[in-house]
């Protein structure tokens, strides 16, 4: 009886339940990693993937509760997809740890072999038994919308940082590309592995399956787009606080990043999500591009102006102060969620 009451409450308050459960996993797990057992590899290997994958895992849990039927009789398709996904994810992450982080090979295999289970489970959710989970994650492997909008991701990153660096140097200012001293191939391998690791594990499908893929469309069903994007921004930014503190991020940069940059980027990711008819893949590609390329360029005044200008442009052009049409696939309604 209690379980049914909890399930009923979760079904009625999906976004609230998502935020509560996501924080309930991430904050304690990060506290263990950074403050209780700092520098303990075993704790990091076991707790960190739960912490950073909690948005996707909670989206999975709540989607299954909200729409459990029709349930597939056999789960073999999911297990096959999970094994195949793990066989793809594990070598990428192991190569990242060995080549980029310079970890010992045996440690890397164990460490990232465990971590690869999480993106593999997320990707295999497209074939889950419960209808709500299948529908929630379907656009990771079957994206919607025109291909152009997925290319826009890379026009923004690294496009805008490159343009900002060029403008800054043109007017005699200083702007750096931090990989400039590397050879072309070393830089290319570094960026590729950083991006793939980000897509699979740190900002891509693990975060965006939850924040933009789950919370945003449910909020957009009730609120104007800009309001929904700002609500997601607030809880998304706050969710990172233990991570920022644990890594010793200076307070000044933490505030600028979470209060300024994260707000602009949350609006841009909402725009891409809506432009691709509610495809999780769009923000899941954007987020690691943002991290990978954004971290390799110094921040300039030109960059700030360009990003503010782009954000204002998309808000105005898409009239983001209005609600989405009722039949929009980027807005969660039961009528749009049939399997």
C-alpha atoms as a PDB file:
ATOM      1  CA  UNK A   1       0.000   0.000   0.000  1.00  0.00           C
ATOM      2  CA  UNK A   2       2.814   2.421   0.889  1.00  0.00           C
ATOM      3  CA  UNK A   3       4.666   1.527  -2.310  1.00  0.00           C
ATOM      4  CA  UNK A   4       1.546   2.229  -4.370  1.00  0.00           C
ATOM      5  CA  UNK A   5       1.053   5.567  -2.636  1.00  0.00           C
ATOM      6  CA  UNK A   6       4.670   6.564  -3.303  1.00  0.00           C
ATOM      7  CA  UNK A   7       4.376   5.488  -6.944  1.00  0.00           C
ATOM      8  CA  UNK A   8       1.160   7.476  -7.313  1.00  0.00           C
ATOM      9  CA  UNK A   9       2.811  10.578  -5.826  1.00  0.00           C
ATOM     10  CA  UNK A  10       5.815  10.207  -8.126  1.00  0.00           C
ATOM     11  CA  UNK A  11       3.533   9.860 -11.129  1.00  0.00           C
ATOM     12  CA  UNK A  12       1.719  13.105 -10.204  1.00  0.00           C
ATOM     13  CA  UNK A  13       4.904  15.052  -9.358  1.00  0.00           C
ATOM     14  CA  UNK A  14       7.469  13.699 -11.798  1.00  0.00           C
ATOM     15  CA  UNK A  15       9.812  16.711 -11.993  1.00  0.00           C
ATOM     16  CA  UNK A  16       9.823  17.230  -8.217  1.00  0.00           C
ATOM     17  CA  UNK A  17      10.495  13.525  -7.663  1.00  0.00           C
ATOM     18  CA  UNK A  18      13.247  13.613 -10.279  1.00  0.00           C
ATOM     19  CA  UNK A  19      15.051  16.495  -8.564  1.00  0.00           C
ATOM     20  CA  UNK A  20      14.695  15.012  -5.074  1.00  0.00           C
ATOM     21  CA  UNK A  21      15.960  11.577  -6.080  1.00  0.00           C
ATOM     22  CA  UNK A  22      18.761  12.927  -8.273  1.00  0.00           C
ATOM     23  CA  UNK A  23      20.087  15.098  -5.471  1.00  0.00           C
ATOM     24  CA  UNK A  24      19.614  12.256  -2.968  1.00  0.00           C
ATOM     25  CA  UNK A  25      22.034  10.120  -4.978  1.00  0.00           C
ATOM     26  CA  UNK A  26      24.527  12.678  -6.255  1.00  0.00           C
ATOM     27  CA  UNK A  27      25.220  14.807  -3.201  1.00  0.00           C
ATOM     28  CA  UNK A  28      25.908  11.933  -0.744  1.00  0.00           C
ATOM     29  CA  UNK A  29      27.947  10.045  -3.355  1.00  0.00           C
ATOM     30  CA  UNK A  30      30.092  13.099  -4.121  1.00  0.00           C
ATOM     31  CA  UNK A  31      30.490  13.759  -0.402  1.00  0.00           C
ATOM     32  CA  UNK A  32      31.952  10.277  -0.014  1.00  0.00           C
ATOM     33  CA  UNK A  33      34.329  10.802  -2.931  1.00  0.00           C
ATOM     34  CA  UNK A  34      35.569  14.293  -2.067  1.00  0.00           C
ATOM     35  CA  UNK A  35      35.070  14.850   1.662  1.00  0.00           C
ATOM     36  CA  UNK A  36      34.743  11.546   3.547  1.00  0.00           C
ATOM     37  CA  UNK A  37      37.198   9.320   1.635  1.00  0.00           C
ATOM     38  CA  UNK A  38      39.181  11.766  -0.517  1.00  0.00           C
ATOM     39  CA  UNK A  39      41.738  10.198  -2.813  1.00  0.00           C
ATOM     40  CA  UNK A  40      40.414   6.655  -2.344  1.00  0.00           C
ATOM     41  CA  UNK A  41      40.300   4.988  -5.784  1.00  0.00           C
ATOM     42  CA  UNK A  42      37.854   2.240  -4.771  1.00  0.00           C
ATOM     43  CA  UNK A  43      35.326   4.745  -3.397  1.00  0.00           C
ATOM     44  CA  UNK A  44      35.666   6.897  -6.504  1.00  0.00           C
ATOM     45  CA  UNK A  45      35.285   3.897  -8.808  1.00  0.00           C
ATOM     46  CA  UNK A  46      32.070   2.777  -7.064  1.00  0.00           C
ATOM     47  CA  UNK A  47      30.420   6.066  -6.028  1.00  0.00           C
ATOM     48  CA  UNK A  48      31.308   8.501  -8.806  1.00  0.00           C
ATOM     49  CA  UNK A  49      29.442   6.785 -11.676  1.00  0.00           C
ATOM     50  CA  UNK A  50      26.251   6.723  -9.588  1.00  0.00           C
ATOM     51  CA  UNK A  51      26.739  10.413  -8.790  1.00  0.00           C
ATOM     52  CA  UNK A  52      27.236  11.604 -12.354  1.00  0.00           C
ATOM     53  CA  UNK A  53      24.711   9.193 -13.910  1.00  0.00           C
ATOM     54  CA  UNK A  54      21.912   9.908 -11.436  1.00  0.00           C
ATOM     55  CA  UNK A  55      19.939  12.203 -13.804  1.00  0.00           C
ATOM     56  CA  UNK A  56      19.680   9.444 -16.415  1.00  0.00           C
ATOM     57  CA  UNK A  57      19.027   6.726 -13.822  1.00  0.00           C
ATOM     58  CA  UNK A  58      16.248   8.710 -12.135  1.00  0.00           C
ATOM     59  CA  UNK A  59      14.689   9.592 -15.479  1.00  0.00           C
ATOM     60  CA  UNK A  60      14.671   5.868 -16.169  1.00  0.00           C
ATOM     61  CA  UNK A  61      13.090   5.006 -12.825  1.00  0.00           C
ATOM     62  CA  UNK A  62      10.346   7.634 -12.954  1.00  0.00           C
ATOM     63  CA  UNK A  63       9.530   7.027 -16.614  1.00  0.00           C
ATOM     64  CA  UNK A  64       8.964   3.364 -15.806  1.00  0.00           C
ATOM     65  CA  UNK A  65       6.694   4.265 -12.897  1.00  0.00           C
ATOM     66  CA  UNK A  66       4.742   6.834 -14.935  1.00  0.00           C
ATOM     67  CA  UNK A  67       4.135   4.546 -17.907  1.00  0.00           C
ATOM     68  CA  UNK A  68       4.851   0.891 -17.115  1.00  0.00           C
ATOM     69  CA  UNK A  69       2.616  -0.569 -19.838  1.00  0.00           C
ATOM     70  CA  UNK A  70       2.607  -2.069 -22.389  1.00  0.00           C
ATOM     71  CA  UNK A  71       5.482  -4.128 -21.037  1.00  0.00           C
ATOM     72  CA  UNK A  72       7.491  -6.341 -23.338  1.00  0.00           C
ATOM     73  CA  UNK A  73       7.443  -9.990 -22.355  1.00  0.00           C
ATOM     74  CA  UNK A  74      11.108 -10.664 -23.051  1.00  0.00           C
ATOM     75  CA  UNK A  75      14.120  -8.635 -21.907  1.00  0.00           C
ATOM     76  CA  UNK A  76      16.657 -10.325 -24.202  1.00  0.00           C
ATOM     77  CA  UNK A  77      16.756  -7.342 -26.595  1.00  0.00           C
ATOM     78  CA  UNK A  78      17.811  -5.046 -23.789  1.00  0.00           C
ATOM     79  CA  UNK A  79      20.517  -7.375 -22.527  1.00  0.00           C
ATOM     80  CA  UNK A  80      21.916  -7.784 -26.031  1.00  0.00           C
ATOM     81  CA  UNK A  81      21.893  -4.001 -26.475  1.00  0.00           C
ATOM     82  CA  UNK A  82      23.537  -3.589 -23.077  1.00  0.00           C
ATOM     83  CA  UNK A  83      26.372  -6.010 -23.875  1.00  0.00           C
ATOM     84  CA  UNK A  84      26.966  -4.468 -27.302  1.00  0.00           C
ATOM     85  CA  UNK A  85      26.919  -0.957 -25.805  1.00  0.00           C
ATOM     86  CA  UNK A  86      29.372  -1.959 -23.081  1.00  0.00           C
ATOM     87  CA  UNK A  87      31.719  -3.487 -25.664  1.00  0.00           C
ATOM     88  CA  UNK A  88      31.698  -0.128 -27.459  1.00  0.00           C
ATOM     89  CA  UNK A  89      31.870   2.147 -24.393  1.00  0.00           C
ATOM     90  CA  UNK A  90      34.496   0.267 -22.387  1.00  0.00           C
ATOM     91  CA  UNK A  91      37.375   0.435 -24.933  1.00  0.00           C
ATOM     92  CA  UNK A  92      36.735   4.157 -25.497  1.00  0.00           C
ATOM     93  CA  UNK A  93      36.831   4.953 -21.793  1.00  0.00           C
ATOM     94  CA  UNK A  94      39.787   2.654 -21.137  1.00  0.00           C
ATOM     95  CA  UNK A  95      41.718   4.303 -23.961  1.00  0.00           C
ATOM     96  CA  UNK A  96      40.871   7.699 -22.477  1.00  0.00           C
ATOM     97  CA  UNK A  97      42.179   6.711 -19.040  1.00  0.00           C
ATOM     98  CA  UNK A  98      45.335   5.145 -20.435  1.00  0.00           C
ATOM     99  CA  UNK A  99      46.160   7.764 -23.093  1.00  0.00           C
ATOM    100  CA  UNK A 100      44.865  11.026 -21.578  1.00  0.00           C
ATOM    101  CA  UNK A 101      44.963  10.436 -17.818  1.00  0.00           C
ATOM    102  CA  UNK A 102      48.135   8.314 -18.009  1.00  0.00           C
ATOM    103  CA  UNK A 103      46.689   5.682 -15.658  1.00  0.00           C
ATOM    104  CA  UNK A 104      48.239   2.239 -15.372  1.00  0.00           C
ATOM    105  CA  UNK A 105      46.597  -0.081 -17.869  1.00  0.00           C
ATOM    106  CA  UNK A 106      45.352  -2.641 -15.335  1.00  0.00           C
ATOM    107  CA  UNK A 107      43.870   0.063 -13.114  1.00  0.00           C
ATOM    108  CA  UNK A 108      42.321   1.751 -16.142  1.00  0.00           C
ATOM    109  CA  UNK A 109      40.679  -1.460 -17.327  1.00  0.00           C
ATOM    110  CA  UNK A 110      39.114  -2.105 -13.921  1.00  0.00           C
ATOM    111  CA  UNK A 111      38.191   1.511 -13.236  1.00  0.00           C
ATOM    112  CA  UNK A 112      36.620   2.391 -16.572  1.00  0.00           C
ATOM    113  CA  UNK A 113      35.342  -1.119 -17.173  1.00  0.00           C
ATOM    114  CA  UNK A 114      33.041  -0.524 -14.196  1.00  0.00           C
ATOM    115  CA  UNK A 115      32.141   3.000 -15.283  1.00  0.00           C
ATOM    116  CA  UNK A 116      31.262   1.809 -18.809  1.00  0.00           C
ATOM    117  CA  UNK A 117      28.381  -0.197 -17.345  1.00  0.00           C
ATOM    118  CA  UNK A 118      26.458   3.043 -16.766  1.00  0.00           C
ATOM    119  CA  UNK A 119      26.392   4.549 -20.292  1.00  0.00           C
ATOM    120  CA  UNK A 120      25.779   1.039 -21.633  1.00  0.00           C
ATOM    121  CA  UNK A 121      22.724   0.714 -19.390  1.00  0.00           C
ATOM    122  CA  UNK A 122      21.443   4.125 -20.489  1.00  0.00           C
ATOM    123  CA  UNK A 123      21.848   3.353 -24.176  1.00  0.00           C
ATOM    124  CA  UNK A 124      20.218  -0.055 -23.813  1.00  0.00           C
ATOM    125  CA  UNK A 125      17.165   1.597 -22.241  1.00  0.00           C
ATOM    126  CA  UNK A 126      15.837   2.118 -25.751  1.00  0.00           C
ATOM    127  CA  UNK A 127      14.977  -1.594 -25.554  1.00  0.00           C
ATOM    128  CA  UNK A 128      13.691  -1.660 -21.966  1.00  0.00           C
ATOM    129  CA  UNK A 129      10.638  -3.717 -21.094  1.00  0.00           C
ATOM    130  CA  UNK A 130       8.639  -0.787 -19.703  1.00  0.00           C
ATOM    131  CA  UNK A 131       7.015   1.465 -22.280  1.00  0.00           C
ATOM    132  CA  UNK A 132       7.828   4.717 -20.482  1.00  0.00           C
ATOM    133  CA  UNK A 133      11.543   3.932 -20.376  1.00  0.00           C
ATOM    134  CA  UNK A 134      11.626   2.943 -24.046  1.00  0.00           C
ATOM    135  CA  UNK A 135       9.885   6.137 -25.047  1.00  0.00           C
ATOM    136  CA  UNK A 136      12.001   8.321 -22.780  1.00  0.00           C
ATOM    137  CA  UNK A 137      15.322   7.165 -24.221  1.00  0.00           C
ATOM    138  CA  UNK A 138      14.309   6.365 -27.798  1.00  0.00           C
ATOM    139  CA  UNK A 139      15.759   9.541 -29.311  1.00  0.00           C
ATOM    140  CA  UNK A 140      19.279   8.639 -28.207  1.00  0.00           C
ATOM    141  CA  UNK A 141      19.403   6.035 -30.968  1.00  0.00           C
ATOM    142  CA  UNK A 142      16.531   7.254 -33.162  1.00  0.00           C
ATOM    143  CA  UNK A 143      16.939  11.047 -33.171  1.00  0.00           C
ATOM    144  CA  UNK A 144      14.280  13.360 -34.558  1.00  0.00           C
ATOM    145  CA  UNK A 145      14.526  16.556 -36.556  1.00  0.00           C
ATOM    146  CA  UNK A 146      16.729  17.713 -39.406  1.00  0.00           C
ATOM    147  CA  UNK A 147      20.430  16.854 -39.449  1.00  0.00           C
ATOM    148  CA  UNK A 148      21.220  20.571 -39.718  1.00  0.00           C
ATOM    149  CA  UNK A 149      20.376  21.135 -36.050  1.00  0.00           C
ATOM    150  CA  UNK A 150      22.872  18.516 -34.946  1.00  0.00           C
ATOM    151  CA  UNK A 151      25.569  20.264 -36.990  1.00  0.00           C
ATOM    152  CA  UNK A 152      24.670  23.578 -35.315  1.00  0.00           C
ATOM    153  CA  UNK A 153      26.068  22.057 -32.104  1.00  0.00           C
ATOM    154  CA  UNK A 154      29.572  22.204 -33.574  1.00  0.00           C
ATOM    155  CA  UNK A 155      29.089  25.637 -35.132  1.00  0.00           C
ATOM    156  CA  UNK A 156      28.551  26.882 -31.573  1.00  0.00           C
ATOM    157  CA  UNK A 157      31.394  24.788 -30.078  1.00  0.00           C
ATOM    158  CA  UNK A 158      34.143  25.248 -31.165  1.00  0.00           C
ATOM    159  CA  UNK A 159      32.801  27.862 -33.617  1.00  0.00           C
ATOM    160  CA  UNK A 160      32.113  30.716 -31.214  1.00  0.00           C
ATOM    161  CA  UNK A 161      35.288  30.292 -29.089  1.00  0.00           C
ATOM    162  CA  UNK A 162      37.361  30.267 -32.289  1.00  0.00           C
ATOM    163  CA  UNK A 163      35.602  33.367 -33.601  1.00  0.00           C
ATOM    164  CA  UNK A 164      35.991  35.111 -30.247  1.00  0.00           C
ATOM    165  CA  UNK A 165      39.708  34.312 -30.190  1.00  0.00           C
ATOM    166  CA  UNK A 166      40.098  35.717 -33.718  1.00  0.00           C
ATOM    167  CA  UNK A 167      38.212  38.920 -32.878  1.00  0.00           C
ATOM    168  CA  UNK A 168      40.201  39.408 -29.675  1.00  0.00           C
ATOM    169  CA  UNK A 169      43.559  38.994 -31.413  1.00  0.00           C
ATOM    170  CA  UNK A 170      42.450  41.219 -34.301  1.00  0.00           C
ATOM    171  CA  UNK A 171      41.982  44.087 -31.864  1.00  0.00           C
ATOM    172  CA  UNK A 172      45.256  43.449 -30.078  1.00  0.00           C
ATOM    173  CA  UNK A 173      43.931  41.474 -27.130  1.00  0.00           C
ATOM    174  CA  UNK A 174      45.183  38.196 -25.698  1.00  0.00           C
ATOM    175  CA  UNK A 175      43.357  34.939 -26.293  1.00  0.00           C
ATOM    176  CA  UNK A 176      44.748  31.446 -25.966  1.00  0.00           C
ATOM    177  CA  UNK A 177      44.111  28.007 -27.371  1.00  0.00           C
ATOM    178  CA  UNK A 178      45.549  25.767 -24.683  1.00  0.00           C
ATOM    179  CA  UNK A 179      46.397  22.883 -27.022  1.00  0.00           C
ATOM    180  CA  UNK A 180      48.395  25.079 -29.402  1.00  0.00           C
ATOM    181  CA  UNK A 181      51.719  23.582 -28.281  1.00  0.00           C
ATOM    182  CA  UNK A 182      50.623  20.048 -29.132  1.00  0.00           C
ATOM    183  CA  UNK A 183      51.117  18.485 -32.537  1.00  0.00           C
ATOM    184  CA  UNK A 184      48.014  18.362 -34.711  1.00  0.00           C
ATOM    185  CA  UNK A 185      47.520  14.626 -34.192  1.00  0.00           C
ATOM    186  CA  UNK A 186      48.084  14.738 -30.450  1.00  0.00           C
ATOM    187  CA  UNK A 187      45.570  17.572 -30.131  1.00  0.00           C
ATOM    188  CA  UNK A 188      43.071  15.755 -32.371  1.00  0.00           C
ATOM    189  CA  UNK A 189      43.324  12.538 -30.334  1.00  0.00           C
ATOM    190  CA  UNK A 190      43.002  14.486 -27.086  1.00  0.00           C
ATOM    191  CA  UNK A 191      39.872  16.315 -28.270  1.00  0.00           C
ATOM    192  CA  UNK A 192      38.292  13.162 -29.720  1.00  0.00           C
ATOM    193  CA  UNK A 193      38.783  11.115 -26.548  1.00  0.00           C
ATOM    194  CA  UNK A 194      37.709  14.008 -24.309  1.00  0.00           C
ATOM    195  CA  UNK A 195      34.572  14.431 -26.379  1.00  0.00           C
ATOM    196  CA  UNK A 196      33.668  10.743 -26.453  1.00  0.00           C
ATOM    197  CA  UNK A 197      34.274  10.416 -22.723  1.00  0.00           C
ATOM    198  CA  UNK A 198      32.088  13.473 -22.152  1.00  0.00           C
ATOM    199  CA  UNK A 199      29.313  12.133 -24.375  1.00  0.00           C
ATOM    200  CA  UNK A 200      29.251   8.768 -22.629  1.00  0.00           C
ATOM    201  CA  UNK A 201      30.001   9.690 -19.049  1.00  0.00           C
ATOM    202  CA  UNK A 202      30.457  13.319 -18.015  1.00  0.00           C
ATOM    203  CA  UNK A 203      27.806  15.644 -19.339  1.00  0.00           C
ATOM    204  CA  UNK A 204      26.342  13.825 -22.339  1.00  0.00           C
ATOM    205  CA  UNK A 205      23.820  11.034 -22.083  1.00  0.00           C
ATOM    206  CA  UNK A 206      24.297  10.707 -18.317  1.00  0.00           C
ATOM    207  CA  UNK A 207      23.126  14.285 -17.598  1.00  0.00           C
ATOM    208  CA  UNK A 208      21.059  15.289 -20.607  1.00  0.00           C
ATOM    209  CA  UNK A 209      18.839  12.209 -20.533  1.00  0.00           C
ATOM    210  CA  UNK A 210      17.612  13.664 -17.253  1.00  0.00           C
ATOM    211  CA  UNK A 211      17.830  17.466 -17.252  1.00  0.00           C
ATOM    212  CA  UNK A 212      16.845  18.230 -20.819  1.00  0.00           C
ATOM    213  CA  UNK A 213      15.439  14.840 -21.841  1.00  0.00           C
ATOM    214  CA  UNK A 214      13.183  14.305 -18.819  1.00  0.00           C
ATOM    215  CA  UNK A 215      12.636  17.497 -16.793  1.00  0.00           C
ATOM    216  CA  UNK A 216      12.502  20.053 -19.619  1.00  0.00           C
ATOM    217  CA  UNK A 217       9.630  18.556 -21.681  1.00  0.00           C
ATOM    218  CA  UNK A 218       7.511  18.057 -18.557  1.00  0.00           C
ATOM    219  CA  UNK A 219       8.035  21.670 -17.542  1.00  0.00           C
ATOM    220  CA  UNK A 220       7.383  22.875 -21.095  1.00  0.00           C
ATOM    221  CA  UNK A 221       3.974  21.221 -20.962  1.00  0.00           C
ATOM    222  CA  UNK A 222       3.033  23.734 -18.235  1.00  0.00           C
ATOM    223  CA  UNK A 223       5.346  26.744 -18.652  1.00  0.00           C
ATOM    224  CA  UNK A 224       6.664  29.003 -21.398  1.00  0.00           C
ATOM    225  CA  UNK A 225       9.890  27.662 -22.856  1.00  0.00           C
ATOM    226  CA  UNK A 226      12.138  30.309 -21.279  1.00  0.00           C
ATOM    227  CA  UNK A 227      10.635  29.667 -17.838  1.00  0.00           C
ATOM    228  CA  UNK A 228      11.122  25.913 -18.204  1.00  0.00           C
ATOM    229  CA  UNK A 229      14.724  26.405 -19.357  1.00  0.00           C
ATOM    230  CA  UNK A 230      15.466  28.649 -16.364  1.00  0.00           C
ATOM    231  CA  UNK A 231      13.940  26.211 -13.872  1.00  0.00           C
ATOM    232  CA  UNK A 232      16.091  23.423 -15.299  1.00  0.00           C
ATOM    233  CA  UNK A 233      19.129  25.740 -15.184  1.00  0.00           C
ATOM    234  CA  UNK A 234      18.624  26.475 -11.477  1.00  0.00           C
ATOM    235  CA  UNK A 235      18.466  22.842 -10.369  1.00  0.00           C
ATOM    236  CA  UNK A 236      21.097  21.721 -12.888  1.00  0.00           C
ATOM    237  CA  UNK A 237      23.560  24.379 -11.683  1.00  0.00           C
ATOM    238  CA  UNK A 238      22.869  23.681  -8.004  1.00  0.00           C
ATOM    239  CA  UNK A 239      23.332  19.948  -8.592  1.00  0.00           C
ATOM    240  CA  UNK A 240      27.003  20.646  -9.472  1.00  0.00           C
ATOM    241  CA  UNK A 241      27.890  22.405  -6.202  1.00  0.00           C
ATOM    242  CA  UNK A 242      29.491  19.422  -4.356  1.00  0.00           C
ATOM    243  CA  UNK A 243      31.410  18.562  -7.522  1.00  0.00           C
ATOM    244  CA  UNK A 244      32.769  22.105  -7.850  1.00  0.00           C
ATOM    245  CA  UNK A 245      33.660  22.366  -4.164  1.00  0.00           C
ATOM    246  CA  UNK A 246      35.229  18.924  -4.102  1.00  0.00           C
ATOM    247  CA  UNK A 247      37.488  19.760  -7.033  1.00  0.00           C
ATOM    248  CA  UNK A 248      38.574  23.004  -5.376  1.00  0.00           C
ATOM    249  CA  UNK A 249      37.069  25.306  -7.997  1.00  0.00           C
ATOM    250  CA  UNK A 250      37.598  28.976  -6.995  1.00  0.00           C
ATOM    251  CA  UNK A 251      34.357  30.502  -5.728  1.00  0.00           C
ATOM    252  CA  UNK A 252      34.561  33.406  -8.172  1.00  0.00           C
ATOM    253  CA  UNK A 253      34.754  31.126 -11.196  1.00  0.00           C
ATOM    254  CA  UNK A 254      32.152  28.751  -9.767  1.00  0.00           C
ATOM    255  CA  UNK A 255      29.665  31.635  -9.437  1.00  0.00           C
ATOM    256  CA  UNK A 256      30.403  32.991 -12.908  1.00  0.00           C
ATOM    257  CA  UNK A 257      30.162  29.550 -14.462  1.00  0.00           C
ATOM    258  CA  UNK A 258      26.983  28.393 -12.739  1.00  0.00           C
ATOM    259  CA  UNK A 259      25.101  31.704 -12.604  1.00  0.00           C
ATOM    260  CA  UNK A 260      26.098  33.142 -15.985  1.00  0.00           C
ATOM    261  CA  UNK A 261      27.422  30.543 -18.416  1.00  0.00           C
ATOM    262  CA  UNK A 262      25.154  27.716 -17.286  1.00  0.00           C
ATOM    263  CA  UNK A 263      22.102  29.953 -17.729  1.00  0.00           C
ATOM    264  CA  UNK A 264      23.032  30.858 -21.309  1.00  0.00           C
ATOM    265  CA  UNK A 265      23.876  27.262 -22.133  1.00  0.00           C
ATOM    266  CA  UNK A 266      20.669  25.931 -20.574  1.00  0.00           C
ATOM    267  CA  UNK A 267      18.672  28.217 -22.871  1.00  0.00           C
ATOM    268  CA  UNK A 268      20.696  27.146 -25.913  1.00  0.00           C
ATOM    269  CA  UNK A 269      20.254  23.451 -25.092  1.00  0.00           C
ATOM    270  CA  UNK A 270      16.511  23.945 -24.643  1.00  0.00           C
ATOM    271  CA  UNK A 271      16.464  25.636 -28.048  1.00  0.00           C
ATOM    272  CA  UNK A 272      18.283  22.708 -29.689  1.00  0.00           C
ATOM    273  CA  UNK A 273      16.065  20.190 -27.921  1.00  0.00           C
ATOM    274  CA  UNK A 274      12.957  21.911 -29.234  1.00  0.00           C
ATOM    275  CA  UNK A 275      14.368  22.429 -32.721  1.00  0.00           C
ATOM    276  CA  UNK A 276      14.977  18.670 -32.975  1.00  0.00           C
ATOM    277  CA  UNK A 277      11.404  17.878 -31.867  1.00  0.00           C
ATOM    278  CA  UNK A 278      12.443  16.708 -28.436  1.00  0.00           C
ATOM    279  CA  UNK A 279      15.536  14.674 -29.282  1.00  0.00           C
ATOM    280  CA  UNK A 280      17.795  13.935 -26.314  1.00  0.00           C
ATOM    281  CA  UNK A 281      20.693  13.422 -28.701  1.00  0.00           C
ATOM    282  CA  UNK A 282      20.935  17.163 -29.509  1.00  0.00           C
ATOM    283  CA  UNK A 283      21.755  18.405 -25.964  1.00  0.00           C
ATOM    284  CA  UNK A 284      23.704  15.180 -25.337  1.00  0.00           C
ATOM    285  CA  UNK A 285      26.000  16.145 -28.238  1.00  0.00           C
ATOM    286  CA  UNK A 286      26.087  19.816 -27.246  1.00  0.00           C
ATOM    287  CA  UNK A 287      27.081  19.323 -23.612  1.00  0.00           C
ATOM    288  CA  UNK A 288      30.386  17.461 -24.225  1.00  0.00           C
ATOM    289  CA  UNK A 289      31.186  19.828 -27.112  1.00  0.00           C
ATOM    290  CA  UNK A 290      30.726  22.690 -24.649  1.00  0.00           C
ATOM    291  CA  UNK A 291      33.015  21.032 -22.102  1.00  0.00           C
ATOM    292  CA  UNK A 292      35.622  19.743 -24.535  1.00  0.00           C
ATOM    293  CA  UNK A 293      36.100  22.838 -26.684  1.00  0.00           C
ATOM    294  CA  UNK A 294      35.073  25.465 -24.146  1.00  0.00           C
ATOM    295  CA  UNK A 295      37.809  24.362 -21.761  1.00  0.00           C
ATOM    296  CA  UNK A 296      40.506  24.728 -24.411  1.00  0.00           C
ATOM    297  CA  UNK A 297      40.014  28.447 -25.074  1.00  0.00           C
ATOM    298  CA  UNK A 298      40.526  31.401 -22.760  1.00  0.00           C
ATOM    299  CA  UNK A 299      37.363  33.348 -21.978  1.00  0.00           C
ATOM    300  CA  UNK A 300      37.285  36.746 -23.642  1.00  0.00           C
ATOM    301  CA  UNK A 301      34.955  39.750 -23.700  1.00  0.00           C
ATOM    302  CA  UNK A 302      34.223  38.947 -27.337  1.00  0.00           C
ATOM    303  CA  UNK A 303      33.158  35.433 -26.336  1.00  0.00           C
ATOM    304  CA  UNK A 304      30.782  36.765 -23.689  1.00  0.00           C
ATOM    305  CA  UNK A 305      29.220  39.192 -26.164  1.00  0.00           C
ATOM    306  CA  UNK A 306      28.820  36.507 -28.839  1.00  0.00           C
ATOM    307  CA  UNK A 307      27.177  34.034 -26.468  1.00  0.00           C
ATOM    308  CA  UNK A 308      24.852  36.664 -25.004  1.00  0.00           C
ATOM    309  CA  UNK A 309      23.947  37.787 -28.523  1.00  0.00           C
ATOM    310  CA  UNK A 310      23.255  34.241 -29.689  1.00  0.00           C
ATOM    311  CA  UNK A 311      21.112  33.530 -26.634  1.00  0.00           C
ATOM    312  CA  UNK A 312      19.038  36.688 -27.152  1.00  0.00           C
ATOM    313  CA  UNK A 313      18.682  35.827 -30.848  1.00  0.00           C
ATOM    314  CA  UNK A 314      17.320  32.321 -30.246  1.00  0.00           C
ATOM    315  CA  UNK A 315      14.950  33.555 -27.525  1.00  0.00           C
ATOM    316  CA  UNK A 316      13.507  36.190 -29.862  1.00  0.00           C
ATOM    317  CA  UNK A 317      13.442  34.082 -33.048  1.00  0.00           C
ATOM    318  CA  UNK A 318      11.745  31.147 -31.318  1.00  0.00           C
ATOM    319  CA  UNK A 319       9.489  33.360 -29.153  1.00  0.00           C
ATOM    320  CA  UNK A 320      10.614  31.414 -26.113  1.00  0.00           C
ATOM    321  CA  UNK A 321       8.387  33.482 -23.819  1.00  0.00           C
ATOM    322  CA  UNK A 322       5.470  31.479 -25.251  1.00  0.00           C
ATOM    323  CA  UNK A 323       4.426  27.897 -24.543  1.00  0.00           C
ATOM    324  CA  UNK A 324       4.987  25.178 -27.095  1.00  0.00           C
ATOM    325  CA  UNK A 325       2.027  23.957 -29.171  1.00  0.00           C
ATOM    326  CA  UNK A 326       0.050  21.205 -27.492  1.00  0.00           C
ATOM    327  CA  UNK A 327       1.055  18.682 -30.147  1.00  0.00           C
ATOM    328  CA  UNK A 328       4.801  19.422 -29.843  1.00  0.00           C
ATOM    329  CA  UNK A 329       6.954  16.336 -29.359  1.00  0.00           C
ATOM    330  CA  UNK A 330       9.271  18.452 -27.181  1.00  0.00           C
ATOM    331  CA  UNK A 331       6.490  18.869 -24.634  1.00  0.00           C
ATOM    332  CA  UNK A 332       5.616  15.903 -22.440  1.00  0.00           C
ATOM    333  CA  UNK A 333       1.983  14.894 -22.572  1.00  0.00           C
ATOM    334  CA  UNK A 334       0.490  11.459 -22.223  1.00  0.00           C
ATOM    335  CA  UNK A 335      -0.859  11.692 -25.776  1.00  0.00           C
ATOM    336  CA  UNK A 336       2.696  12.129 -27.076  1.00  0.00           C
ATOM    337  CA  UNK A 337       4.070   9.213 -25.105  1.00  0.00           C
ATOM    338  CA  UNK A 338       2.464   6.199 -26.727  1.00  0.00           C
ATOM    339  CA  UNK A 339       4.912   3.436 -27.430  1.00  0.00           C
END
